[in-house]
N, C-alpha and C. Protein backbone atom coordinates (compact mmCIF):
# COMPACT_ATOMS: atom_id res chain seq x y z
N MET A 1 0.70 -1.19 0.07
CA MET A 1 -0.15 -0.19 0.14
C MET A 1 0.93 1.06 0.10
N ALA A 2 0.53 2.31 -0.89
CA ALA A 2 1.33 3.32 -1.10
C ALA A 2 1.49 4.22 0.35
N THR A 3 0.29 4.40 0.83
CA THR A 3 0.06 5.57 1.75
C THR A 3 -0.68 4.50 3.01
N PRO A 4 -0.31 4.30 4.23
CA PRO A 4 -0.92 3.75 5.22
C PRO A 4 -2.28 4.62 5.43
N ILE A 5 -3.23 3.46 5.64
CA ILE A 5 -4.62 4.12 5.78
C ILE A 5 -4.87 3.75 7.52
N ARG A 6 -4.96 5.03 7.96
CA ARG A 6 -5.61 5.41 9.71
C ARG A 6 -6.75 4.73 9.80
N PRO A 7 -7.17 4.27 10.98
CA PRO A 7 -8.46 3.66 11.38
C PRO A 7 -9.67 4.61 11.01
N PRO A 8 -9.79 5.92 11.43
CA PRO A 8 -10.80 6.44 11.04
C PRO A 8 -10.94 6.65 9.46
N GLU A 9 -10.10 6.55 8.68
CA GLU A 9 -10.35 6.50 7.34
C GLU A 9 -10.73 5.41 6.91
N ARG A 10 -9.96 4.13 7.57
CA ARG A 10 -10.35 2.75 7.19
C ARG A 10 -11.87 2.64 7.34
N GLN A 11 -12.50 3.26 8.58
CA GLN A 11 -13.94 3.07 8.86
C GLN A 11 -14.73 3.84 7.99
N GLN A 12 -14.21 5.02 7.41
CA GLN A 12 -15.04 5.93 6.52
C GLN A 12 -15.19 4.86 5.08
N LEU A 13 -13.78 4.47 4.77
CA LEU A 13 -13.90 3.93 3.54
C LEU A 13 -14.87 2.15 3.47
N ALA A 14 -14.83 1.79 4.68
CA ALA A 14 -15.56 0.71 4.66
C ALA A 14 -16.85 0.82 4.72
N GLU A 15 -17.51 2.10 5.50
CA GLU A 15 -18.91 2.44 5.30
C GLU A 15 -19.30 2.95 3.84
N GLN A 16 -18.44 3.52 3.30
CA GLN A 16 -18.64 3.97 1.88
C GLN A 16 -18.90 2.77 0.98
N LEU A 17 -18.02 1.86 1.18
CA LEU A 17 -17.77 0.65 0.22
C LEU A 17 -19.19 -0.38 0.93
N GLY A 18 -19.49 -0.23 1.90
CA GLY A 18 -20.72 -1.20 2.42
C GLY A 18 -19.86 -2.62 2.90
N LEU A 19 -18.59 -2.42 3.25
CA LEU A 19 -17.82 -3.54 3.70
C LEU A 19 -17.76 -3.32 5.45
N ASN A 20 -17.21 -4.55 5.99
CA ASN A 20 -17.03 -4.66 7.49
C ASN A 20 -15.68 -3.94 7.63
N GLU A 21 -15.79 -3.10 8.56
CA GLU A 21 -14.31 -2.67 8.75
C GLU A 21 -12.94 -3.47 9.10
N GLN A 22 -13.55 -4.26 9.84
CA GLN A 22 -12.57 -5.46 10.23
C GLN A 22 -12.20 -6.21 9.04
N TYR A 23 -12.97 -6.43 8.22
CA TYR A 23 -12.94 -7.39 7.07
C TYR A 23 -12.01 -6.63 6.13
N LEU A 24 -12.29 -5.46 5.90
CA LEU A 24 -11.21 -4.17 5.15
C LEU A 24 -10.06 -4.33 5.91
N TYR A 25 -9.89 -4.09 7.05
CA TYR A 25 -8.41 -4.17 7.83
C TYR A 25 -7.66 -5.45 7.45
N GLN A 26 -8.48 -6.52 7.62
CA GLN A 26 -7.76 -7.95 7.13
C GLN A 26 -7.16 -8.11 5.95
N CYS A 27 -7.87 -7.32 4.81
CA CYS A 27 -7.35 -7.47 3.83
C CYS A 27 -6.27 -6.76 3.56
N LEU A 28 -6.48 -5.36 3.98
CA LEU A 28 -5.23 -4.66 3.72
C LEU A 28 -3.84 -4.93 4.44
N ALA A 29 -4.36 -5.88 5.81
CA ALA A 29 -2.99 -6.31 6.54
C ALA A 29 -2.40 -7.43 5.78
N GLY A 30 -3.15 -8.24 4.64
CA GLY A 30 -2.60 -9.52 4.30
C GLY A 30 -3.23 -10.77 4.80
N LEU A 31 -4.04 -10.54 5.81
CA LEU A 31 -4.80 -11.50 6.70
C LEU A 31 -5.68 -12.30 5.81
N ARG A 32 -6.45 -11.84 4.80
CA ARG A 32 -7.29 -12.31 4.20
C ARG A 32 -7.24 -11.64 2.64
N GLU A 33 -7.45 -12.22 1.72
CA GLU A 33 -7.82 -11.74 0.32
C GLU A 33 -9.00 -11.72 -0.06
N MET A 34 -9.34 -10.36 -0.60
CA MET A 34 -10.54 -9.78 -1.20
C MET A 34 -10.77 -10.84 -2.59
N GLY A 35 -12.11 -10.88 -2.90
CA GLY A 35 -12.49 -11.71 -4.20
C GLY A 35 -12.08 -10.54 -5.24
N ALA A 36 -11.82 -11.10 -6.48
CA ALA A 36 -11.04 -10.08 -7.51
C ALA A 36 -12.18 -9.20 -8.05
N LYS A 37 -13.65 -9.52 -7.99
CA LYS A 37 -14.78 -8.55 -8.59
C LYS A 37 -14.50 -7.95 -7.57
N GLU A 38 -14.75 -7.98 -6.35
CA GLU A 38 -14.83 -6.98 -4.99
C GLU A 38 -13.64 -6.12 -5.19
N ALA A 39 -12.49 -6.71 -5.44
CA ALA A 39 -11.50 -5.62 -5.30
C ALA A 39 -11.41 -4.69 -6.54
N VAL A 40 -11.84 -5.14 -7.53
CA VAL A 40 -12.07 -4.05 -8.78
C VAL A 40 -12.97 -2.91 -8.44
N ARG A 41 -14.13 -3.55 -7.86
CA ARG A 41 -15.04 -2.43 -7.34
C ARG A 41 -14.92 -1.44 -6.48
N VAL A 42 -14.02 -2.09 -5.28
CA VAL A 42 -13.45 -1.47 -4.31
C VAL A 42 -12.39 -0.14 -5.03
N GLU A 43 -11.63 -0.54 -5.87
CA GLU A 43 -10.55 0.30 -6.42
C GLU A 43 -11.27 1.36 -7.41
N LYS A 44 -12.36 1.12 -7.97
CA LYS A 44 -13.14 1.90 -8.78
C LYS A 44 -13.61 3.22 -7.88
N GLU A 45 -14.57 2.37 -6.90
CA GLU A 45 -15.39 3.39 -5.92
C GLU A 45 -14.29 4.18 -5.04
N THR A 46 -13.34 4.02 -4.65
CA THR A 46 -12.41 4.85 -4.04
C THR A 46 -11.46 5.66 -4.99
N GLY A 47 -11.57 5.53 -6.03
CA GLY A 47 -10.65 6.35 -6.91
C GLY A 47 -9.39 6.17 -6.88
N GLY A 48 -9.20 4.79 -6.61
CA GLY A 48 -7.79 4.27 -6.40
C GLY A 48 -6.95 4.59 -5.25
N ARG A 49 -8.03 5.12 -4.19
CA ARG A 49 -7.37 5.21 -2.78
C ARG A 49 -6.87 3.79 -2.48
N LEU A 50 -7.80 2.71 -2.54
CA LEU A 50 -7.40 1.52 -2.26
C LEU A 50 -7.35 0.78 -3.64
N THR A 51 -6.28 -0.12 -3.99
CA THR A 51 -5.95 -0.61 -4.98
C THR A 51 -6.26 -2.34 -4.86
N ARG A 52 -6.21 -2.91 -6.02
CA ARG A 52 -6.50 -4.45 -6.26
C ARG A 52 -5.18 -4.89 -5.41
N ARG A 53 -4.12 -4.46 -5.72
CA ARG A 53 -2.81 -4.78 -4.84
C ARG A 53 -2.91 -4.55 -3.42
N ASP A 54 -3.81 -3.44 -2.85
CA ASP A 54 -3.77 -3.41 -1.59
C ASP A 54 -4.89 -4.54 -0.86
N VAL A 55 -5.66 -5.03 -1.72
CA VAL A 55 -6.78 -5.56 -0.87
C VAL A 55 -6.51 -7.05 -1.37
N CYS A 56 -5.56 -7.51 -2.37
CA CYS A 56 -5.30 -8.96 -2.57
C CYS A 56 -3.95 -8.92 -2.68
N THR A 57 -2.93 -8.73 -1.20
CA THR A 57 -1.82 -8.55 -1.30
C THR A 57 -1.14 -10.07 -1.50
N LYS A 58 -1.63 -11.04 -1.40
CA LYS A 58 -1.20 -12.53 -1.92
C LYS A 58 -1.23 -12.77 -3.37
N SER A 59 -2.47 -12.33 -4.00
CA SER A 59 -2.60 -12.89 -5.32
C SER A 59 -2.82 -11.88 -6.27
N TRP A 60 -2.47 -10.66 -6.04
CA TRP A 60 -2.67 -9.88 -7.15
C TRP A 60 -2.10 -9.84 -8.28
N ARG A 61 -0.56 -10.42 -8.36
CA ARG A 61 0.41 -10.74 -9.44
C ARG A 61 -0.39 -11.96 -10.17
N ASP A 62 -1.10 -12.86 -9.72
CA ASP A 62 -1.46 -13.98 -10.51
C ASP A 62 -3.06 -13.70 -11.37
N LEU A 63 -3.85 -12.47 -10.55
CA LEU A 63 -5.09 -12.32 -11.11
C LEU A 63 -4.72 -11.21 -12.09
N TRP A 64 -3.79 -10.24 -11.76
CA TRP A 64 -3.46 -9.08 -12.88
C TRP A 64 -1.97 -8.93 -12.66
N PRO A 65 -1.66 -9.69 -13.90
CA PRO A 65 -0.14 -9.60 -13.92
C PRO A 65 0.30 -8.21 -14.74
N GLU A 66 -0.65 -7.54 -15.36
CA GLU A 66 -0.26 -6.47 -16.01
C GLU A 66 -0.02 -5.25 -15.07
N LEU A 67 -0.21 -5.57 -13.90
CA LEU A 67 -0.16 -4.54 -12.69
C LEU A 67 1.27 -4.47 -12.47
N ASP A 68 1.99 -5.37 -12.54
CA ASP A 68 3.51 -5.76 -12.31
C ASP A 68 4.12 -4.96 -13.20
N ALA A 69 3.43 -4.96 -14.49
CA ALA A 69 4.30 -4.37 -15.49
C ALA A 69 4.04 -2.95 -15.45
N ALA A 70 3.15 -2.33 -14.89
CA ALA A 70 2.75 -1.00 -14.44
C ALA A 70 3.73 -0.38 -13.55
N HIS A 71 4.56 -1.18 -12.67
CA HIS A 71 5.53 -0.71 -11.84
C HIS A 71 6.70 -1.44 -12.17
N PRO A 72 7.44 -1.22 -13.45
CA PRO A 72 8.68 -1.88 -13.91
C PRO A 72 9.76 -1.77 -12.84
N LYS A 73 10.47 -0.93 -12.25
CA LYS A 73 11.43 -0.94 -11.18
C LYS A 73 10.95 -1.77 -10.11
N GLN A 74 9.95 -1.58 -9.56
CA GLN A 74 9.42 -2.91 -8.64
C GLN A 74 9.63 -4.30 -9.00
N ALA A 75 9.26 -4.30 -10.54
CA ALA A 75 9.04 -5.85 -10.91
C ALA A 75 10.42 -6.40 -11.32
N ARG A 76 11.33 -5.77 -11.64
CA ARG A 76 12.64 -6.00 -12.04
C ARG A 76 13.21 -6.31 -10.64
N ALA A 77 13.15 -5.58 -9.54
CA ALA A 77 13.78 -5.74 -8.56
C ALA A 77 13.23 -7.07 -7.63
N LYS A 78 12.02 -7.47 -8.05
CA LYS A 78 11.34 -8.61 -7.33
C LYS A 78 12.09 -9.79 -8.44
N ARG A 79 11.83 -9.61 -9.42
CA ARG A 79 12.63 -10.84 -10.03
C ARG A 79 14.18 -10.91 -9.93
N ALA A 80 14.74 -9.85 -9.98
CA ALA A 80 16.19 -10.34 -9.41
C ALA A 80 16.42 -10.87 -8.29
N ALA A 81 15.68 -10.51 -7.21
CA ALA A 81 15.66 -10.88 -5.88
C ALA A 81 15.32 -12.77 -5.83
N LYS A 82 14.21 -12.88 -6.88
CA LYS A 82 13.85 -14.31 -6.73
C LYS A 82 15.15 -15.07 -7.35
N ALA A 83 15.73 -14.59 -8.55
CA ALA A 83 16.62 -15.15 -9.18
C ALA A 83 17.85 -15.54 -8.22
N GLY A 84 18.07 -15.01 -7.22
CA GLY A 84 19.16 -14.79 -6.26
C GLY A 84 20.19 -14.20 -6.48
């Protein structure tokens, strides 16, 4: 996540999105994965404040590989780290 979301803002976003605040927290913290369709809705409805990467921390690369290409520096660094 680019900018941390403090609890009051998280509560406000959860209400705006019709989500349980603890569920949103768990997704942002990487404790749970939001469904792909819901993640896209969240990204659209927050104008990108919350992204698919933010709420699908473990699966976003598999679901949306094009997002990795959108951040070439980060992608190169991660590939280099994996290569050893």
